[in-house]
Each structure stands twice: as structure tokens, then as C-alpha cells.
Protein backbone atom coordinates (compact mmCIF):
# COMPACT_ATOMS: atom_id res chain seq x y z
CA MET A 1 63.74 112.65 100.22
CA THR A 2 66.89 110.46 101.43
CA ARG A 3 69.55 111.99 100.23
CA THR A 4 72.76 110.79 99.80
CA LEU A 5 76.53 111.96 100.87
CA GLU A 6 77.38 112.93 97.58
CA PRO A 7 78.11 116.68 97.12
CA ALA A 8 75.89 118.32 94.96
CA ALA A 9 75.57 121.50 93.06
CA THR A 10 73.25 124.04 95.17
CA THR A 11 73.18 127.74 96.40
CA ALA A 12 72.71 126.72 99.86
CA ASP A 13 75.07 124.04 100.74
CA ILE A 14 75.29 123.01 104.16
CA ILE A 15 79.08 121.74 105.10
CA VAL A 16 79.20 119.16 107.77
CA VAL A 17 82.93 120.23 110.19
CA SER A 18 84.76 117.96 112.08
CA PRO A 19 84.95 119.68 115.57
CA THR A 20 88.44 117.61 116.08
CA SER A 21 90.06 118.40 113.34
CA GLY A 22 88.39 121.36 111.66
CA ASP A 23 88.11 119.12 108.36
CA THR A 24 85.40 119.54 106.07
CA VAL A 25 83.26 116.12 106.34
CA ALA A 26 80.74 116.15 103.95
CA THR A 27 78.77 118.88 101.55
CA LEU A 28 75.34 117.97 101.33
CA PRO A 29 72.57 120.21 99.51
CA SER A 30 69.59 122.24 101.79
CA ALA A 31 66.39 120.89 101.20
CA THR A 32 64.30 123.65 99.50
CA THR A 33 60.64 124.19 100.96
CA ALA A 34 59.32 123.01 97.84
CA GLU A 35 61.42 119.87 98.30
CA VAL A 36 59.75 119.49 101.85
CA ASP A 37 56.08 120.01 100.54
CA ALA A 38 56.89 117.04 98.00
CA ALA A 39 58.24 114.87 100.75
CA ILE A 40 55.15 115.43 103.09
CA ALA A 41 52.79 114.53 100.09
CA ARG A 42 54.68 111.47 99.47
CA ALA A 43 54.30 110.47 102.93
CA ARG A 44 50.88 110.55 102.81
CA GLY A 45 50.85 108.30 100.46
CA ALA A 46 53.52 105.64 102.45
CA GLN A 47 51.57 106.12 105.52
CA ARG A 48 48.15 104.80 103.97
CA GLU A 49 50.72 101.46 102.70
CA TRP A 50 51.69 101.28 106.64
CA TRP A 51 48.99 101.41 108.33
CA GLY A 52 47.18 99.03 105.67
CA MET A 53 49.94 96.32 106.70
CA THR A 54 48.88 93.82 109.22
CA SER A 55 50.38 94.94 112.39
CA ASP A 56 52.75 91.41 112.72
CA ALA A 57 54.29 92.97 108.90
CA ARG A 58 54.91 95.93 110.50
CA SER A 59 56.62 94.60 113.47
CA LYS A 60 58.69 92.16 111.19
CA VAL A 61 60.01 95.80 109.43
CA LEU A 62 61.05 97.05 112.51
CA TRP A 63 62.48 94.16 114.06
CA ARG A 64 64.82 93.66 110.82
CA TRP A 65 65.28 97.47 111.18
CA SER A 66 67.14 96.29 114.65
CA GLU A 67 68.90 93.54 113.09
CA LEU A 68 70.60 96.22 110.35
CA LEU A 69 71.27 98.88 113.27
CA ASP A 70 73.33 96.39 114.98
CA GLU A 71 74.83 95.20 111.89
CA HIS A 72 76.01 98.50 111.22
CA ALA A 73 76.51 99.64 114.55
CA GLU A 74 80.63 100.51 114.07
CA GLU A 75 79.39 102.66 110.82
CA LEU A 76 76.72 104.82 112.39
CA ALA A 77 78.91 105.45 115.49
CA THR A 78 82.06 106.70 113.28
CA LEU A 79 79.54 108.70 111.47
CA ASP A 80 78.42 110.50 114.59
CA ALA A 81 82.30 110.80 115.76
CA ARG A 82 83.14 112.37 112.61
CA CYS A 83 80.36 115.32 112.61
CA THR A 84 80.19 115.73 116.80
CA GLY A 85 83.18 114.51 118.66
CA LYS A 86 81.07 111.51 120.42
CA VAL A 87 83.57 109.42 122.01
CA ILE A 88 83.34 105.85 119.80
CA ARG A 89 82.41 103.96 122.65
CA ASP A 90 79.49 106.19 123.55
CA GLY A 91 78.24 105.87 119.96
CA LEU A 92 78.31 102.61 119.85
CA SER A 93 76.22 102.34 123.04
CA GLU A 94 73.92 104.30 121.61
CA VAL A 95 73.37 102.27 118.45
CA ARG A 96 73.06 99.58 120.20
CA THR A 97 70.34 101.16 122.46
CA ALA A 98 68.82 102.28 119.59
CA ALA A 99 68.26 98.78 118.00
CA ARG A 100 66.74 97.90 121.41
CA TYR A 101 64.25 100.53 121.18
CA ALA A 102 63.43 99.00 117.43
CA ARG A 103 63.03 95.69 118.87
CA TYR A 104 60.68 96.81 121.50
CA TRP A 105 58.27 99.24 119.26
CA ALA A 106 58.58 95.92 117.29
CA GLY A 107 56.52 94.13 120.25
CA GLN A 108 54.19 96.97 120.55
CA THR A 109 52.56 97.41 117.16
CA ASP A 110 49.57 95.07 118.20
CA LYS A 111 49.18 96.71 121.54
CA LEU A 112 47.29 100.01 120.49
CA PHE A 113 44.11 99.15 122.22
CA GLY A 114 40.91 100.66 122.70
CA ASP A 115 38.19 100.27 124.90
CA GLN A 116 34.48 98.82 124.83
CA LEU A 117 31.44 100.44 126.77
CA ASN A 118 28.44 98.39 127.33
CA ASP A 119 26.92 101.30 129.18
CA VAL A 120 23.40 101.22 127.75
CA PRO A 121 21.11 98.01 126.87
CA GLY A 122 21.04 98.23 122.85
CA ARG A 123 23.87 100.23 122.66
CA LEU A 124 27.21 99.46 121.87
CA SER A 125 30.41 101.92 122.16
CA TYR A 126 33.95 102.01 121.69
CA THR A 127 37.16 103.60 120.68
CA LEU A 128 39.40 102.82 117.92
CA ARG A 129 43.33 104.07 118.35
CA GLU A 130 44.39 105.32 115.09
CA PRO A 131 47.73 107.19 113.96
CA LEU A 132 47.86 110.72 113.22
CA GLY A 133 49.29 110.70 109.92
CA VAL A 134 52.75 111.98 109.27
CA PHE A 135 54.77 113.12 111.58
CA GLY A 136 57.32 115.85 111.65
CA VAL A 137 60.87 115.13 113.76
CA ILE A 138 63.26 117.70 114.83
CA ILE A 139 66.26 116.02 116.12
CA PRO A 140 69.42 118.05 117.80
CA TRP A 141 73.27 117.08 117.19
CA ASN A 142 74.08 115.61 120.13
CA ALA A 143 72.62 111.94 119.78
CA PRO A 144 72.25 111.77 116.10
CA CYS A 145 71.63 108.46 115.35
CA LEU A 146 69.99 107.42 118.68
CA GLY A 147 67.59 110.91 117.90
CA SER A 148 66.79 109.57 113.99
CA VAL A 149 65.95 105.80 115.73
CA SER A 150 64.08 106.68 119.22
CA ARG A 151 62.47 109.29 118.16
CA THR A 152 60.87 108.09 115.26
CA LEU A 153 60.05 104.75 116.40
CA PRO A 154 57.25 105.36 118.50
CA PRO A 155 55.32 107.54 115.57
CA LEU A 156 56.14 104.38 113.15
CA GLY A 157 55.15 101.87 115.75
CA CYS A 158 51.78 103.47 115.80
CA GLY A 159 51.54 103.70 111.82
CA ASN A 160 52.57 107.13 111.13
CA ALA A 161 54.92 108.33 108.65
CA VAL A 162 57.87 110.44 109.30
CA ILE A 163 60.05 113.19 108.08
CA VAL A 164 63.31 113.80 109.71
CA LYS A 165 65.13 117.11 110.01
CA PRO A 166 68.24 116.75 111.30
CA SER A 167 70.66 119.00 112.69
CA GLU A 168 72.79 120.48 110.18
CA PHE A 169 75.96 119.83 112.14
CA SER A 170 74.95 115.65 112.18
CA PRO A 171 72.83 114.71 109.64
CA LEU A 172 75.05 111.72 108.16
CA SER A 173 73.91 109.11 110.51
CA ALA A 174 70.06 109.76 110.27
CA LEU A 175 70.33 109.71 106.20
CA ARG A 176 72.11 106.45 106.43
CA ASN A 177 69.18 105.20 109.05
CA ALA A 178 66.89 106.03 106.45
CA GLU A 179 68.55 103.74 103.66
CA LEU A 180 68.98 101.00 106.62
CA ALA A 181 65.09 101.72 107.26
CA ARG A 182 63.68 100.95 103.57
CA GLU A 183 66.53 97.77 103.44
CA ALA A 184 64.18 96.69 106.59
CA GLY A 185 61.14 96.84 104.14
CA MET A 186 59.83 100.44 105.32
CA PRO A 187 57.36 101.52 102.28
CA GLU A 188 59.32 104.26 100.11
CA HIS A 189 59.04 107.34 101.34
CA LEU A 190 57.77 106.14 105.19
CA TYR A 191 61.01 107.58 106.45
CA GLN A 192 62.25 110.97 105.04
CA VAL A 193 65.30 113.16 105.95
CA VAL A 194 64.91 116.89 104.82
CA VAL A 195 68.50 117.93 105.28
CA GLY A 196 68.86 122.36 106.31
CA ALA A 197 69.03 124.50 108.84
CA GLY A 198 66.27 125.95 111.04
CA ASP A 199 64.17 127.61 108.17
CA ILE A 200 63.07 124.06 106.91
CA GLY A 201 62.53 122.99 110.81
CA ALA A 202 60.58 125.46 110.86
CA HIS A 203 58.57 125.03 107.43
CA LEU A 204 57.93 121.71 108.78
CA ALA A 205 56.31 122.68 112.06
CA ALA A 206 53.97 125.13 110.28
CA HIS A 207 52.99 123.00 107.26
CA PRO A 208 49.44 121.82 107.30
CA GLY A 209 50.07 118.57 106.19
CA VAL A 210 51.99 117.51 108.83
CA ASP A 211 49.63 116.17 111.78
CA GLY A 212 52.66 116.13 114.85
CA ILE A 213 55.36 117.33 115.60
CA SER A 214 58.77 115.91 118.06
CA PHE A 215 61.29 118.51 118.76
CA THR A 216 64.35 118.39 120.84
CA GLY A 217 66.39 121.12 121.73
CA SER A 218 66.28 124.76 123.35
CA VAL A 219 63.80 125.92 125.25
CA GLU A 220 63.93 129.56 122.77
CA THR A 221 63.04 127.36 119.88
CA GLY A 222 60.96 124.66 121.74
CA ARG A 223 58.57 128.00 121.68
CA LYS A 224 58.48 128.69 118.12
CA VAL A 225 57.95 125.16 117.14
CA ASN A 226 54.90 125.13 119.45
CA ILE A 227 53.47 128.14 118.34
CA ALA A 228 53.57 127.37 114.82
CA ALA A 229 52.25 123.83 115.70
CA ALA A 230 49.33 125.43 117.21
CA ALA A 231 48.13 127.53 114.47
CA THR A 232 46.99 123.84 112.65
CA PHE A 233 46.20 121.68 116.15
CA LYS A 234 49.23 119.66 115.83
CA ARG A 235 50.09 117.14 118.60
CA THR A 236 53.56 118.12 120.36
CA THR A 237 56.17 116.30 122.29
CA LEU A 238 58.76 118.69 123.25
CA GLU A 239 62.10 117.76 124.77
CA LEU A 240 63.59 121.28 126.05
CA GLY A 241 66.54 122.42 128.41
CA GLY A 242 67.16 121.15 131.72
CA LYS A 243 69.58 122.35 134.62
CA SER A 244 69.34 119.23 136.51
CA PRO A 245 70.07 119.21 140.32
CA VAL A 246 72.34 116.29 141.70
CA ILE A 247 72.08 116.57 145.89
CA VAL A 248 74.31 114.36 147.53
CA PHE A 249 73.65 114.05 151.78
CA PRO A 250 76.26 113.42 154.02
CA ASP A 251 75.09 109.38 154.65
CA ALA A 252 75.86 108.59 150.64
CA ASP A 253 78.49 106.84 149.25
CA LEU A 254 80.59 109.37 148.62
CA ASP A 255 83.14 107.17 146.05
CA GLU A 256 80.09 105.93 144.33
CA ALA A 257 78.48 109.49 144.49
CA ALA A 258 81.61 111.29 143.14
CA LEU A 259 82.00 109.00 140.30
CA GLY A 260 78.52 109.07 139.45
CA VAL A 261 78.05 112.81 139.50
CA LEU A 262 80.80 112.79 137.08
CA ILE A 263 79.50 110.85 134.35
CA GLY A 264 76.77 112.42 134.82
CA ILE A 265 78.14 116.03 133.79
CA LEU A 266 81.28 114.69 131.28
CA MET A 267 78.65 111.92 129.22
CA ASN A 268 79.16 113.36 125.82
CA ALA A 269 80.88 116.23 126.93
CA GLY A 270 77.87 117.62 129.05
CA GLN A 271 76.31 117.94 125.91
CA ILE A 272 73.13 116.35 127.12
CA CYS A 273 70.01 117.47 128.12
CA ALA A 274 69.32 115.88 131.35
CA ALA A 275 73.24 116.35 132.26
CA ASN A 276 73.47 116.76 136.36
CA SER A 277 75.07 120.29 136.16
CA ARG A 278 74.10 121.85 139.28
CA LEU A 279 75.85 120.23 141.82
CA LEU A 280 73.94 120.39 145.80
CA VAL A 281 76.05 118.88 148.19
CA HIS A 282 75.71 118.77 152.28
CA GLU A 283 77.61 121.48 153.90
CA SER A 284 79.44 118.79 156.16
CA VAL A 285 80.71 116.67 153.67
CA ALA A 286 80.98 119.69 150.56
CA GLU A 287 85.39 119.50 151.12
CA GLU A 288 85.78 115.87 151.25
CA PHE A 289 82.96 115.52 148.15
CA THR A 290 84.91 118.26 146.12
CA ALA A 291 88.27 117.08 146.89
CA LYS A 292 86.75 113.58 145.42
CA LEU A 293 85.75 114.96 142.78
CA LEU A 294 88.53 117.21 141.41
CA GLU A 295 91.04 114.15 141.95
CA ARG A 296 88.69 111.91 139.27
CA ALA A 297 87.91 114.80 137.20
CA GLN A 298 91.96 115.44 136.19
CA ARG A 299 92.10 111.53 135.60
CA VAL A 300 89.84 111.55 132.66
CA GLU A 301 91.22 111.10 129.20
CA VAL A 302 89.91 113.56 126.66
CA GLY A 303 91.04 113.63 123.02
CA ASP A 304 89.99 112.13 120.12
CA PRO A 305 86.71 110.54 120.14
CA LEU A 306 87.66 107.69 117.50
CA ASP A 307 90.69 106.64 119.91
CA PRO A 308 89.02 103.80 122.11
CA ARG A 309 90.74 105.21 125.60
CA THR A 310 89.01 108.57 125.37
CA GLN A 311 86.70 109.28 127.55
CA VAL A 312 85.48 112.98 126.75
CA GLY A 313 85.69 114.30 123.47
CA PRO A 314 85.08 118.07 121.72
CA VAL A 315 82.07 120.26 121.81
CA VAL A 316 80.15 119.89 118.40
CA CYS A 317 81.14 123.40 117.04
CA ARG A 318 83.15 126.77 117.64
CA ARG A 319 79.71 128.43 118.82
CA GLN A 320 78.86 126.14 121.51
CA TYR A 321 83.06 126.20 122.29
CA ASP A 322 82.21 130.30 122.84
CA LYS A 323 79.34 129.29 124.41
CA VAL A 324 80.69 127.45 127.48
CA MET A 325 83.88 129.15 127.73
CA ASP A 326 82.02 132.55 128.16
CA PHE A 327 79.68 130.83 130.89
CA ILE A 328 83.37 129.86 132.63
CA ALA A 329 84.37 133.54 132.43
CA SER A 330 81.21 134.80 133.90
CA ALA A 331 81.22 132.57 136.43
CA GLU A 332 84.67 133.65 137.73
CA ALA A 333 83.49 137.12 137.04
CA GLU A 334 80.69 136.78 139.45
CA GLY A 335 82.51 135.56 142.44
CA ALA A 336 83.07 131.81 141.60
CA THR A 337 86.00 129.37 141.72
CA ILE A 338 87.75 127.45 138.45
CA ALA A 339 88.75 124.66 141.13
CA VAL A 340 90.00 122.86 138.09
CA GLY A 341 89.76 122.84 133.80
CA GLY A 342 88.23 126.08 132.61
CA GLY A 343 90.27 126.04 129.41
CA ARG A 344 91.44 123.56 126.94
CA PRO A 345 93.09 120.65 128.22
CA LEU A 346 96.75 121.02 128.57
CA HIS A 347 98.15 118.00 126.86
CA LEU A 348 95.91 119.15 123.15
CA SER A 349 96.95 121.46 120.61
CA GLU A 350 95.67 124.94 120.36
CA ASP A 351 95.35 124.85 116.34
CA ARG A 352 92.53 121.90 116.17
CA GLY A 353 90.01 120.53 118.11
CA LEU A 354 87.28 122.19 120.12
CA PHE A 355 88.39 120.56 123.70
CA ILE A 356 87.31 122.02 126.83
CA ALA A 357 88.65 120.34 130.12
CA PRO A 358 86.40 118.81 132.71
CA THR A 359 85.57 122.04 134.47
CA ILE A 360 84.25 122.01 137.85
CA ILE A 361 83.42 125.40 139.87
CA THR A 362 83.00 126.21 143.33
CA ASN A 363 81.16 128.55 145.74
CA VAL A 364 78.59 128.67 143.37
CA ARG A 365 75.56 130.96 144.08
CA PRO A 366 72.01 130.30 142.66
CA ASP A 367 71.76 133.60 141.07
CA MET A 368 74.62 133.45 139.21
CA ARG A 369 74.23 132.99 135.18
CA VAL A 370 75.84 129.57 135.21
CA SER A 371 73.60 128.35 137.83
CA ARG A 372 70.27 129.39 136.06
CA GLU A 373 71.12 129.10 132.47
CA GLU A 374 71.79 125.80 130.36
CA VAL A 375 75.62 125.55 129.74
CA PHE A 376 75.52 122.59 127.69
CA GLY A 377 78.80 121.76 127.87
CA PRO A 378 81.25 120.04 130.60
CA VAL A 379 81.09 122.66 133.47
CA LEU A 380 79.90 121.47 136.99
CA GLY A 381 78.81 124.38 139.33
CA VAL A 382 78.93 123.49 142.98
CA SER A 383 76.63 124.70 145.86
CA THR A 384 76.16 123.85 149.41
CA PHE A 385 72.94 123.19 151.87
CA ALA A 386 72.43 122.63 155.09
CA THR A 387 68.85 121.10 155.75
CA GLU A 388 66.88 118.99 153.73
CA GLU A 389 64.05 121.67 153.25
CA GLU A 390 67.17 123.74 151.62
CA ALA A 391 68.28 121.32 149.31
CA ILE A 392 64.66 120.99 148.03
CA GLU A 393 63.71 125.03 147.88
CA LEU A 394 67.21 124.74 145.63
CA ALA A 395 66.87 122.32 143.62
CA ASN A 396 63.05 123.36 142.60
CA ASP A 397 64.62 127.44 141.97
CA SER A 398 64.87 126.71 138.51
CA GLU A 399 62.47 127.48 135.08
CA PHE A 400 63.35 123.68 134.18
CA GLY A 401 62.24 120.82 135.38
CA LEU A 402 63.62 117.62 132.88
CA SER A 403 65.47 115.59 135.60
CA SER A 404 67.10 114.90 138.99
CA TYR A 405 69.49 113.15 140.86
CA VAL A 406 69.70 112.25 145.03
CA TRP A 407 72.62 110.31 146.43
CA THR A 408 71.39 109.23 150.30
CA THR A 409 71.22 105.44 151.59
CA ASP A 410 68.07 106.66 153.44
CA GLY A 411 65.67 104.92 151.80
CA ALA A 412 62.66 107.50 153.16
CA ARG A 413 64.59 110.32 152.43
CA LEU A 414 64.90 109.34 149.05
CA HIS A 415 60.86 108.95 148.47
CA ARG A 416 60.72 112.33 150.22
CA MET A 417 62.98 113.94 147.76
CA ALA A 418 60.97 111.95 144.65
CA GLU A 419 57.86 113.30 146.03
CA ARG A 420 58.99 116.91 146.12
CA ILE A 421 61.44 117.70 143.40
CA GLU A 422 59.71 119.03 140.31
CA SER A 423 61.21 117.14 137.68
CA GLY A 424 59.45 114.78 134.77
CA VAL A 425 62.29 112.40 135.91
CA VAL A 426 64.45 111.75 139.22
CA HIS A 427 67.27 109.49 139.53
CA GLY A 428 68.03 107.72 143.12
CA ASN A 429 71.86 106.96 143.55
CA THR A 430 72.46 106.51 139.84
CA TYR A 431 73.38 108.85 137.18
CA LEU A 432 71.37 108.91 134.29
CA VAL A 433 69.04 106.29 132.85
CA MET A 434 67.38 106.08 130.01
CA ASP A 435 65.60 102.35 128.61
CA VAL A 436 62.56 102.24 125.94
CA GLN A 437 59.92 101.19 128.56
CA LEU A 438 60.67 104.41 130.46
CA PRO A 439 58.74 107.46 130.07
CA PHE A 440 60.83 110.59 129.76
CA GLY A 441 59.66 114.03 129.88
CA GLY A 442 60.09 117.35 131.62
CA PHE A 443 58.28 119.66 134.08
CA LYS A 444 57.94 123.28 133.34
CA ASN A 445 60.09 124.46 130.80
CA SER A 446 61.48 121.03 129.63
CA GLY A 447 59.02 120.54 127.59
CA VAL A 448 55.50 118.81 127.15
CA SER A 449 54.72 114.68 126.45
CA ASN A 450 56.78 111.94 127.47
CA ALA A 451 59.23 110.78 124.26
CA PHE A 452 59.27 106.77 125.56
CA GLY A 453 57.29 104.12 127.23
CA ASN A 454 53.84 103.39 126.58
CA GLU A 455 52.75 107.44 127.49
CA ALA A 456 54.58 107.99 123.59
CA ILE A 457 51.30 106.50 122.19
CA GLU A 458 49.55 109.24 123.08
CA ALA A 459 51.26 111.47 121.22
CA CYS A 460 51.37 109.56 118.14
CA THR A 461 47.46 108.63 118.36
CA GLN A 462 44.03 110.06 118.09
CA VAL A 463 40.95 107.81 119.83
CA LYS A 464 38.20 107.44 117.66
CA ARG A 465 34.57 106.63 119.69
CA VAL A 466 32.09 104.45 117.92
CA THR A 467 28.59 104.13 118.94
CA VAL A 468 26.15 101.50 117.31
CA ARG A 469 22.51 100.88 118.22
CA THR A 470 22.30 97.09 118.43
CA GLY A 471 18.54 96.68 120.28
CA ALA A 472 15.75 95.66 118.44
CA GLY A 473 12.41 97.94 117.73
CA PRO A 474 12.11 101.46 116.98
CA LEU A 475 14.44 103.99 117.31
CA PRO A 476 13.85 105.97 120.69
CA SER A 477 13.05 109.15 120.08
CA PRO A 478 12.88 112.32 122.71
CA TRP A 479 10.08 114.13 120.57
CA PRO A 480 6.65 112.45 120.95
CA GLY A 481 4.40 112.37 117.83
CA VAL A 482 7.03 113.15 115.58
């Protein structure tokens, strides 16, 4: 069902609170499991209508959706800023990225190719690539508008219906996107939003009427989703946690690397699964490079996400704020040094807003909690290495394997590192790059399957083989005399 933004009387309200001011942004009724069941049933009929349309007709709908996203970019970015504290300039960029994703998938609707197999005379075999049916899409709070578009487009582009379960912290842009999708011409009930807490996501993951699940979130919750999905053999796309290393060699352009590392850890207040939160810098340039980082970090503008001058806003909620501050305290207790930050920015009032200053922690050992667990905040841990081999060992010493970053002007070294680092994505001389045509998925505990690129088609479709006898004459039989 698509929820409107008006409050409704219910015993299970979802209260959306601004992390900037502490004010209530919206009060929404939580869906019940019975309502989720009804939404799934409606989606089944909508999916048949959607798949029954020509690929050209589906393409035009997705293209129109892209236009509406561009037209409503400021509105959608403002909703995300109010719910999550996302800086408005980043929110606008994410909405425009979502529109670009919609245009890409508008061009993919007629490219679900099968194969023809002329393997034996008198027999023709071929494959058909078909949608799964109904997809559950569970998205987190860190990129609500982008997630509610980019994670739904591969299923929609492949002919599926989607049931979106946004985070209870940030459901508003998903609700608005459902309205825009309908305005673009999607069949009624093809794109539905169910608002609720974790129990609603769990119900969606376990439901026998859901054929595929896309989940973005923590490893702990991802395991639960995977177990629930396995009971009915659902296809799963899981993007889970990260503890991404960024390796800086002495031959790198240190000024450019310092800017790239800082952007990579402070985007969205560090609340990005692929944030480069583990800095490994060669011991010969560690002091110089750290000084460059500290100087730049103190010039970052932290404040109101709706102010166009702001570069870093608050973290999303009190629970996340307390978690990040606990990580900082534990690092100091274990012997690390808080080189900059470590608390609220001095210029911001203590009584409003969940702001954390850009924090750089030095003298971090690989066994420290801040080096091993995902902080999901504006916190960078700094360690050193002596050799390329040690850098690889330190980079791979993690349960995660989502993204990695290497800064060097030695091209051969860059490709050696790319071959040996255990992560689904490797970046060379840049911070995080996300684009619709590029696959994005993790190794180890960072996930299953790829969310984007042509690789996403595999998780959203099933392959059917058809074999037809075309030759004349009697049916070949292995049973003589029968």
C-alpha cells in the first residue's frame, strides 16, 4: 500500500524525528502483517499486468519516472534532509543519480536476452529469461530516496513488482517515490511501500508470496534475512557492512589523497557502508600525510543540512550518535590518540542536533575495536605499514570485503593491489564511485550478489530452458520393440 503523509490513529505509530532539531517531522501508522499480506497479493496481479506490457511501454514508464525524479529533486532531497540530516547538496546529487539509474533501466527493458542452442539436428533448444514475480526491497536510512529508486529498478526493469520497506527513521521519500511511480504510469500496486519497524521487514523476508529479497543493512540483520529467505528459496541480494581500507603509498599525490580520504570518510557523516574508515599509510609519509588530513578536517563545515554551505550534517538518531561516541571512547581507552574531533563541534549548541565533529584517531592497532567493527560515523582510524605485502595483509585482515581504495602513481602496483585485495570493489586514486552500469557487491561478510550493472539481472530473473523436436520422422526411442 502507498501511505500518505497524514497522521492516522493507530496503536503502532512510526514517529519520524529530525536529528538536526529533535522535532517530530511526521507521524505515520505502521503497517500490520495482514496489510503486508494484502499488499503482496495485490502486487502479484500488478506484476502480471506489468510483464504483459511491451518492453517499449515499460521503458517509457521508467523514463517518465526519471523525469519526475529530476522535477521533484529539491522536494525529495529536503525530505531526506529533514529525516536523516543528509546535507542538501548530497541529497540533490543522490536524487539526480536516482534519475540517471531510472534512465539506464529504461534502456534495459528490451535486453533480457536468452540463448539459442542448435546442438542436435532435428532439435531446437533455447532459454527464456523471465521475472521472478514479487520482490521485497528493504532499504536503510542512510540514502532513502536513492535506495528506494536504485534498489527497485533492477527488479522493475526485469518485469517484477516491488514491495518497499524503508527504514522507520526515513520513510518519507520512499512514500513520495511511490506516488511519482504511479504518476509515471506504473500499474497500480506495482510499487508499494509498507512502513514499519524490523518486524515488518522480517515478515516480508519470510513471506512465501515474495520471490526475491533485496536487503541493505547490517551483517547481523542480513543473516536473519538470509535465513528467513532460505526457507522458501528466495533469491537474495544483500549489501551488508564494510570496514573499507584506504592504502596510501609514499609515491601518491599526498594532497589529492588527503582530500580523497577525507571525502571518503565524511560523506553523509560517515554513514556509508563503503566509507574508507581504515587508513593504512606508509610509515615514511605517515606524519606528513596525517598532518595534511588534520588541517583539512578542521576546515570542514559541520551544521544544518539545509544550509547550502554545510558539508557534514548530524548522524541519523540518538542510538547511532551514542554508538559512534562509544567507539571513540573505546579507541582512546585501548591506547589510540584522538588527533582531532572526538565530540560535538564547538560552535554547535549542546542541546540540539546529533552532530559529531570529523574525528581522526591515530596510533590505531589492528586488534582495536575501532579497527575491526563498522562505526558508521565520521571517524577515521590511522595505522601504518612498511611494505606492500604488509599493506595487503592489513587490508585483508577483516571479516568485511565491500570496497577498498589505493593511492599510488605506480600503475603496476595499483593493479597488483587490485588483484590481491579481498573486496568486491577496488578504487584507484579516487574516493567512492557508484554508477548504475557498474556492479556493486561485497566479498566475505559484506554481502551476496551485485546490486547494479548487468550483474543485477541475475538476481532479478530466472532462466527457463525450452527444447522442441523439429525433425521429421518417428520419435527416437531408446526402447526397441516398445
